[in-house]
Amino acid sequence: MTVSLPLVVVLGVIAWAAIKFLGVRLWVAAVIALFGFWLSHTILAPAIESGTRSGVDVVNGTND
């Protein structure tokens, strides 16, 4: 059985768990999210997206 989850849902669950169980403060999570948002508008965005897709493909065991 295959389950498909968007990466943002997985990252959201990880962030929630970090806040709930590891004691990470909410403002720290918000700053990290803002940093990611601003980083997505730079010239590094295509490289980050490509690396993320490659990493997900490695974990999923898919090759295109």
PDB file of N, CA and C in Angstrom:
ATOM      1  N   MET A   1       0.841  -1.172   0.000  1.00  0.00           N
ATOM      2  CA  MET A   1       0.000   0.000   0.000  1.00  0.00           C
ATOM      3  C   MET A   1       0.892   1.243   0.000  1.00  0.00           C
ATOM      4  N   THR A   2       0.602   2.169  -0.894  1.00  0.00           N
ATOM      5  CA  THR A   2       1.376   3.397  -1.010  1.00  0.00           C
ATOM      6  C   THR A   2       0.594   4.555  -0.419  1.00  0.00           C
ATOM      7  N   VAL A   3       1.258   5.332   0.420  1.00  0.00           N
ATOM      8  CA  VAL A   3       0.654   6.523   1.006  1.00  0.00           C
ATOM      9  C   VAL A   3       1.433   7.719   0.491  1.00  0.00           C
ATOM     10  N   SER A   4       0.726   8.704  -0.030  1.00  0.00           N
ATOM     11  CA  SER A   4       1.373   9.889  -0.565  1.00  0.00           C
ATOM     12  C   SER A   4       1.049  11.087   0.331  1.00  0.00           C
ATOM     13  N   LEU A   5       2.094  11.692   0.877  1.00  0.00           N
ATOM     14  CA  LEU A   5       1.936  12.872   1.719  1.00  0.00           C
ATOM     15  C   LEU A   5       2.780  14.005   1.150  1.00  0.00           C
ATOM     16  N   PRO A   6       2.230  15.215   1.112  1.00  0.00           N
ATOM     17  CA  PRO A   6       3.056  16.341   0.705  1.00  0.00           C
ATOM     18  C   PRO A   6       4.182  16.571   1.726  1.00  0.00           C
ATOM     19  N   LEU A   7       5.322  17.000   1.240  1.00  0.00           N
ATOM     20  CA  LEU A   7       6.474  17.240   2.111  1.00  0.00           C
ATOM     21  C   LEU A   7       6.155  18.288   3.166  1.00  0.00           C
ATOM     22  N   VAL A   8       5.329  19.260   2.826  1.00  0.00           N
ATOM     23  CA  VAL A   8       4.996  20.311   3.788  1.00  0.00           C
ATOM     24  C   VAL A   8       4.228  19.731   4.976  1.00  0.00           C
ATOM     25  N   VAL A   9       3.430  18.689   4.772  1.00  0.00           N
ATOM     26  CA  VAL A   9       2.708  18.057   5.878  1.00  0.00           C
ATOM     27  C   VAL A   9       3.701  17.341   6.793  1.00  0.00           C
ATOM     28  N   VAL A  10       4.636  16.633   6.196  1.00  0.00           N
ATOM     29  CA  VAL A  10       5.644  15.928   6.994  1.00  0.00           C
ATOM     30  C   VAL A  10       6.473  16.920   7.804  1.00  0.00           C
ATOM     31  N   LEU A  11       6.906  18.011   7.176  1.00  0.00           N
ATOM     32  CA  LEU A  11       7.681  19.024   7.884  1.00  0.00           C
ATOM     33  C   LEU A  11       6.861  19.709   8.965  1.00  0.00           C
ATOM     34  N   GLY A  12       5.576  19.899   8.707  1.00  0.00           N
ATOM     35  CA  GLY A  12       4.692  20.484   9.715  1.00  0.00           C
ATOM     36  C   GLY A  12       4.560  19.598  10.937  1.00  0.00           C
ATOM     37  N   VAL A  13       4.446  18.303  10.728  1.00  0.00           N
ATOM     38  CA  VAL A  13       4.369  17.357  11.849  1.00  0.00           C
ATOM     39  C   VAL A  13       5.677  17.357  12.639  1.00  0.00           C
ATOM     40  N   ILE A  14       6.795  17.409  11.939  1.00  0.00           N
ATOM     41  CA  ILE A  14       8.094  17.466  12.616  1.00  0.00           C
ATOM     42  C   ILE A  14       8.219  18.747  13.434  1.00  0.00           C
ATOM     43  N   ALA A  15       7.780  19.876  12.862  1.00  0.00           N
ATOM     44  CA  ALA A  15       7.836  21.147  13.590  1.00  0.00           C
ATOM     45  C   ALA A  15       6.935  21.105  14.818  1.00  0.00           C
ATOM     46  N   TRP A  16       5.733  20.559  14.675  1.00  0.00           N
ATOM     47  CA  TRP A  16       4.814  20.460  15.810  1.00  0.00           C
ATOM     48  C   TRP A  16       5.429  19.595  16.916  1.00  0.00           C
ATOM     49  N   ALA A  17       6.019  18.461  16.528  1.00  0.00           N
ATOM     50  CA  ALA A  17       6.627  17.572  17.508  1.00  0.00           C
ATOM     51  C   ALA A  17       7.808  18.250  18.203  1.00  0.00           C
ATOM     52  N   ALA A  18       8.586  19.022  17.461  1.00  0.00           N
ATOM     53  CA  ALA A  18       9.723  19.724  18.058  1.00  0.00           C
ATOM     54  C   ALA A  18       9.246  20.758  19.074  1.00  0.00           C
ATOM     55  N   ILE A  19       8.169  21.456  18.749  1.00  0.00           N
ATOM     56  CA  ILE A  19       7.625  22.448  19.677  1.00  0.00           C
ATOM     57  C   ILE A  19       7.034  21.749  20.898  1.00  0.00           C
ATOM     58  N   LYS A  20       6.298  20.679  20.670  1.00  0.00           N
ATOM     59  CA  LYS A  20       5.585  19.988  21.749  1.00  0.00           C
ATOM     60  C   LYS A  20       6.524  19.200  22.660  1.00  0.00           C
ATOM     61  N   PHE A  21       7.432  18.418  22.079  1.00  0.00           N
ATOM     62  CA  PHE A  21       8.202  17.469  22.874  1.00  0.00           C
ATOM     63  C   PHE A  21       9.651  17.891  23.146  1.00  0.00           C
ATOM     64  N   LEU A  22      10.233  18.685  22.280  1.00  0.00           N
ATOM     65  CA  LEU A  22      11.633  19.073  22.464  1.00  0.00           C
ATOM     66  C   LEU A  22      11.791  20.443  23.123  1.00  0.00           C
ATOM     67  N   GLY A  23      10.682  21.147  23.289  1.00  0.00           N
ATOM     68  CA  GLY A  23      10.739  22.448  23.941  1.00  0.00           C
ATOM     69  C   GLY A  23      11.225  23.577  23.056  1.00  0.00           C
ATOM     70  N   VAL A  24      11.165  23.388  21.740  1.00  0.00           N
ATOM     71  CA  VAL A  24      11.538  24.468  20.828  1.00  0.00           C
ATOM     72  C   VAL A  24      10.466  25.556  20.933  1.00  0.00           C
ATOM     73  N   ARG A  25      10.902  26.756  21.088  1.00  0.00           N
ATOM     74  CA  ARG A  25       9.946  27.860  21.245  1.00  0.00           C
ATOM     75  C   ARG A  25       9.272  28.170  19.904  1.00  0.00           C
ATOM     76  N   LEU A  26       8.040  28.621  19.979  1.00  0.00           N
ATOM     77  CA  LEU A  26       7.257  28.903  18.778  1.00  0.00           C
ATOM     78  C   LEU A  26       7.914  29.986  17.929  1.00  0.00           C
ATOM     79  N   TRP A  27       8.499  30.994  18.559  1.00  0.00           N
ATOM     80  CA  TRP A  27       9.112  32.069  17.784  1.00  0.00           C
ATOM     81  C   TRP A  27      10.319  31.558  16.986  1.00  0.00           C
ATOM     82  N   VAL A  28      11.019  30.563  17.512  1.00  0.00           N
ATOM     83  CA  VAL A  28      12.151  29.986  16.784  1.00  0.00           C
ATOM     84  C   VAL A  28      11.651  29.270  15.536  1.00  0.00           C
ATOM     85  N   ALA A  29      10.565  28.521  15.679  1.00  0.00           N
ATOM     86  CA  ALA A  29       9.978  27.838  14.525  1.00  0.00           C
ATOM     87  C   ALA A  29       9.487  28.852  13.495  1.00  0.00           C
ATOM     88  N   ALA A  30       8.911  29.966  13.958  1.00  0.00           N
ATOM     89  CA  ALA A  30       8.436  31.005  13.036  1.00  0.00           C
ATOM     90  C   ALA A  30       9.596  31.654  12.291  1.00  0.00           C
ATOM     91  N   VAL A  31      10.703  31.901  12.973  1.00  0.00           N
ATOM     92  CA  VAL A  31      11.881  32.492  12.319  1.00  0.00           C
ATOM     93  C   VAL A  31      12.441  31.535  11.275  1.00  0.00           C
ATOM     94  N   ILE A  32      12.498  30.253  11.597  1.00  0.00           N
ATOM     95  CA  ILE A  32      12.990  29.263  10.635  1.00  0.00           C
ATOM     96  C   ILE A  32      12.080  29.201   9.419  1.00  0.00           C
ATOM     97  N   ALA A  33      10.758  29.256   9.626  1.00  0.00           N
ATOM     98  CA  ALA A  33       9.811  29.244   8.515  1.00  0.00           C
ATOM     99  C   ALA A  33       9.975  30.492   7.648  1.00  0.00           C
ATOM    100  N   LEU A  34      10.143  31.655   8.265  1.00  0.00           N
ATOM    101  CA  LEU A  34      10.357  32.887   7.502  1.00  0.00           C
ATOM    102  C   LEU A  34      11.658  32.829   6.713  1.00  0.00           C
ATOM    103  N   PHE A  35      12.700  32.272   7.322  1.00  0.00           N
ATOM    104  CA  PHE A  35      13.967  32.129   6.614  1.00  0.00           C
ATOM    105  C   PHE A  35      13.784  31.260   5.369  1.00  0.00           C
ATOM    106  N   GLY A  36      13.063  30.164   5.501  1.00  0.00           N
ATOM    107  CA  GLY A  36      12.798  29.304   4.351  1.00  0.00           C
ATOM    108  C   GLY A  36      11.991  30.012   3.283  1.00  0.00           C
ATOM    109  N   PHE A  37      11.009  30.821   3.713  1.00  0.00           N
ATOM    110  CA  PHE A  37      10.193  31.570   2.765  1.00  0.00           C
ATOM    111  C   PHE A  37      11.051  32.572   1.995  1.00  0.00           C
ATOM    112  N   TRP A  38      11.894  33.308   2.696  1.00  0.00           N
ATOM    113  CA  TRP A  38      12.754  34.288   2.034  1.00  0.00           C
ATOM    114  C   TRP A  38      13.811  33.604   1.172  1.00  0.00           C
ATOM    115  N   LEU A  39      14.307  32.479   1.613  1.00  0.00           N
ATOM    116  CA  LEU A  39      15.300  31.734   0.845  1.00  0.00           C
ATOM    117  C   LEU A  39      14.709  31.218  -0.466  1.00  0.00           C
ATOM    118  N   SER A  40      13.412  30.952  -0.468  1.00  0.00           N
ATOM    119  CA  SER A  40      12.777  30.442  -1.681  1.00  0.00           C
ATOM    120  C   SER A  40      12.704  31.488  -2.787  1.00  0.00           C
ATOM    121  N   HIS A  41      12.952  32.746  -2.443  1.00  0.00           N
ATOM    122  CA  HIS A  41      12.912  33.815  -3.436  1.00  0.00           C
ATOM    123  C   HIS A  41      14.310  34.244  -3.882  1.00  0.00           C
ATOM    124  N   THR A  42      15.306  33.428  -3.597  1.00  0.00           N
ATOM    125  CA  THR A  42      16.673  33.759  -3.991  1.00  0.00           C
ATOM    126  C   THR A  42      17.097  32.880  -5.167  1.00  0.00           C
ATOM    127  N   ILE A  43      18.311  33.091  -5.610  1.00  0.00           N
ATOM    128  CA  ILE A  43      18.847  32.315  -6.721  1.00  0.00           C
ATOM    129  C   ILE A  43      19.135  30.864  -6.297  1.00  0.00           C
ATOM    130  N   LEU A  44      19.157  30.601  -5.001  1.00  0.00           N
ATOM    131  CA  LEU A  44      19.417  29.247  -4.500  1.00  0.00           C
ATOM    132  C   LEU A  44      18.189  28.343  -4.566  1.00  0.00           C
ATOM    133  N   ALA A  45      17.015  28.898  -4.793  1.00  0.00           N
ATOM    134  CA  ALA A  45      15.771  28.124  -4.756  1.00  0.00           C
ATOM    135  C   ALA A  45      15.772  26.922  -5.717  1.00  0.00           C
ATOM    136  N   PRO A  46      16.179  27.075  -6.982  1.00  0.00           N
ATOM    137  CA  PRO A  46      16.177  25.900  -7.865  1.00  0.00           C
ATOM    138  C   PRO A  46      17.105  24.781  -7.385  1.00  0.00           C
ATOM    139  N   ALA A  47      18.250  25.139  -6.839  1.00  0.00           N
ATOM    140  CA  ALA A  47      19.180  24.125  -6.341  1.00  0.00           C
ATOM    141  C   ALA A  47      18.604  23.414  -5.116  1.00  0.00           C
ATOM    142  N   ILE A  48      17.944  24.160  -4.248  1.00  0.00           N
ATOM    143  CA  ILE A  48      17.330  23.565  -3.066  1.00  0.00           C
ATOM    144  C   ILE A  48      16.199  22.634  -3.475  1.00  0.00           C
ATOM    145  N   GLU A  49      15.371  23.064  -4.422  1.00  0.00           N
ATOM    146  CA  GLU A  49      14.264  22.232  -4.879  1.00  0.00           C
ATOM    147  C   GLU A  49      14.779  20.951  -5.539  1.00  0.00           C
ATOM    148  N   SER A  50      15.803  21.079  -6.353  1.00  0.00           N
ATOM    149  CA  SER A  50      16.381  19.913  -7.022  1.00  0.00           C
ATOM    150  C   SER A  50      16.965  18.939  -6.002  1.00  0.00           C
ATOM    151  N   GLY A  51      17.674  19.464  -5.017  1.00  0.00           N
ATOM    152  CA  GLY A  51      18.252  18.608  -3.988  1.00  0.00           C
ATOM    153  C   GLY A  51      17.187  17.923  -3.147  1.00  0.00           C
ATOM    154  N   THR A  52      16.114  18.647  -2.844  1.00  0.00           N
ATOM    155  CA  THR A  52      15.012  18.062  -2.076  1.00  0.00           C
ATOM    156  C   THR A  52      14.344  16.953  -2.868  1.00  0.00           C
ATOM    157  N   ARG A  53      14.093  17.194  -4.152  1.00  0.00           N
ATOM    158  CA  ARG A  53      13.460  16.167  -4.989  1.00  0.00           C
ATOM    159  C   ARG A  53      14.357  14.937  -5.111  1.00  0.00           C
ATOM    160  N   SER A  54      15.652  15.160  -5.255  1.00  0.00           N
ATOM    161  CA  SER A  54      16.579  14.026  -5.342  1.00  0.00           C
ATOM    162  C   SER A  54      16.593  13.228  -4.046  1.00  0.00           C
ATOM    163  N   GLY A  55      16.575  13.928  -2.922  1.00  0.00           N
ATOM    164  CA  GLY A  55      16.553  13.249  -1.631  1.00  0.00           C
ATOM    165  C   GLY A  55      15.284  12.448  -1.426  1.00  0.00           C
ATOM    166  N   VAL A  56      14.155  13.006  -1.821  1.00  0.00           N
ATOM    167  CA  VAL A  56      12.884  12.291  -1.701  1.00  0.00           C
ATOM    168  C   VAL A  56      12.879  11.076  -2.621  1.00  0.00           C
ATOM    169  N   ASP A  57      13.431  11.229  -3.830  1.00  0.00           N
ATOM    170  CA  ASP A  57      13.506  10.081  -4.755  1.00  0.00           C
ATOM    171  C   ASP A  57      14.388   8.975  -4.194  1.00  0.00           C
ATOM    172  N   VAL A  58      15.484   9.348  -3.538  1.00  0.00           N
ATOM    173  CA  VAL A  58      16.358   8.342  -2.933  1.00  0.00           C
ATOM    174  C   VAL A  58      15.624   7.609  -1.822  1.00  0.00           C
ATOM    175  N   VAL A  59      14.906   8.353  -0.988  1.00  0.00           N
ATOM    176  CA  VAL A  59      14.171   7.725   0.114  1.00  0.00           C
ATOM    177  C   VAL A  59      13.064   6.828  -0.428  1.00  0.00           C
ATOM    178  N   ASN A  60      12.377   7.279  -1.469  1.00  0.00           N
ATOM    179  CA  ASN A  60      11.281   6.503  -2.046  1.00  0.00           C
ATOM    180  C   ASN A  60      11.770   5.377  -2.950  1.00  0.00           C
ATOM    181  N   GLY A  61      13.020   5.434  -3.361  1.00  0.00           N
ATOM    182  CA  GLY A  61      13.560   4.399  -4.241  1.00  0.00           C
ATOM    183  C   GLY A  61      13.065   4.506  -5.664  1.00  0.00           C
ATOM    184  N   THR A  62      12.747   5.711  -6.124  1.00  0.00           N
ATOM    185  CA  THR A  62      12.276   5.900  -7.495  1.00  0.00           C
ATOM    186  C   THR A  62      13.371   6.524  -8.333  1.00  0.00           C
ATOM    187  N   ASN A  63      13.412   6.144  -9.586  1.00  0.00           N
ATOM    188  CA  ASN A  63      14.359   6.709 -10.544  1.00  0.00           C
ATOM    189  C   ASN A  63      13.600   7.092 -11.797  1.00  0.00           C
ATOM    190  N   ASP A  64      13.820   8.329 -12.242  1.00  0.00           N
ATOM    191  CA  ASP A  64      13.165   8.790 -13.490  1.00  0.00           C
ATOM    192  C   ASP A  64      14.115   8.730 -14.649  1.00  0.00           C
TER     193      ASP A  64
END
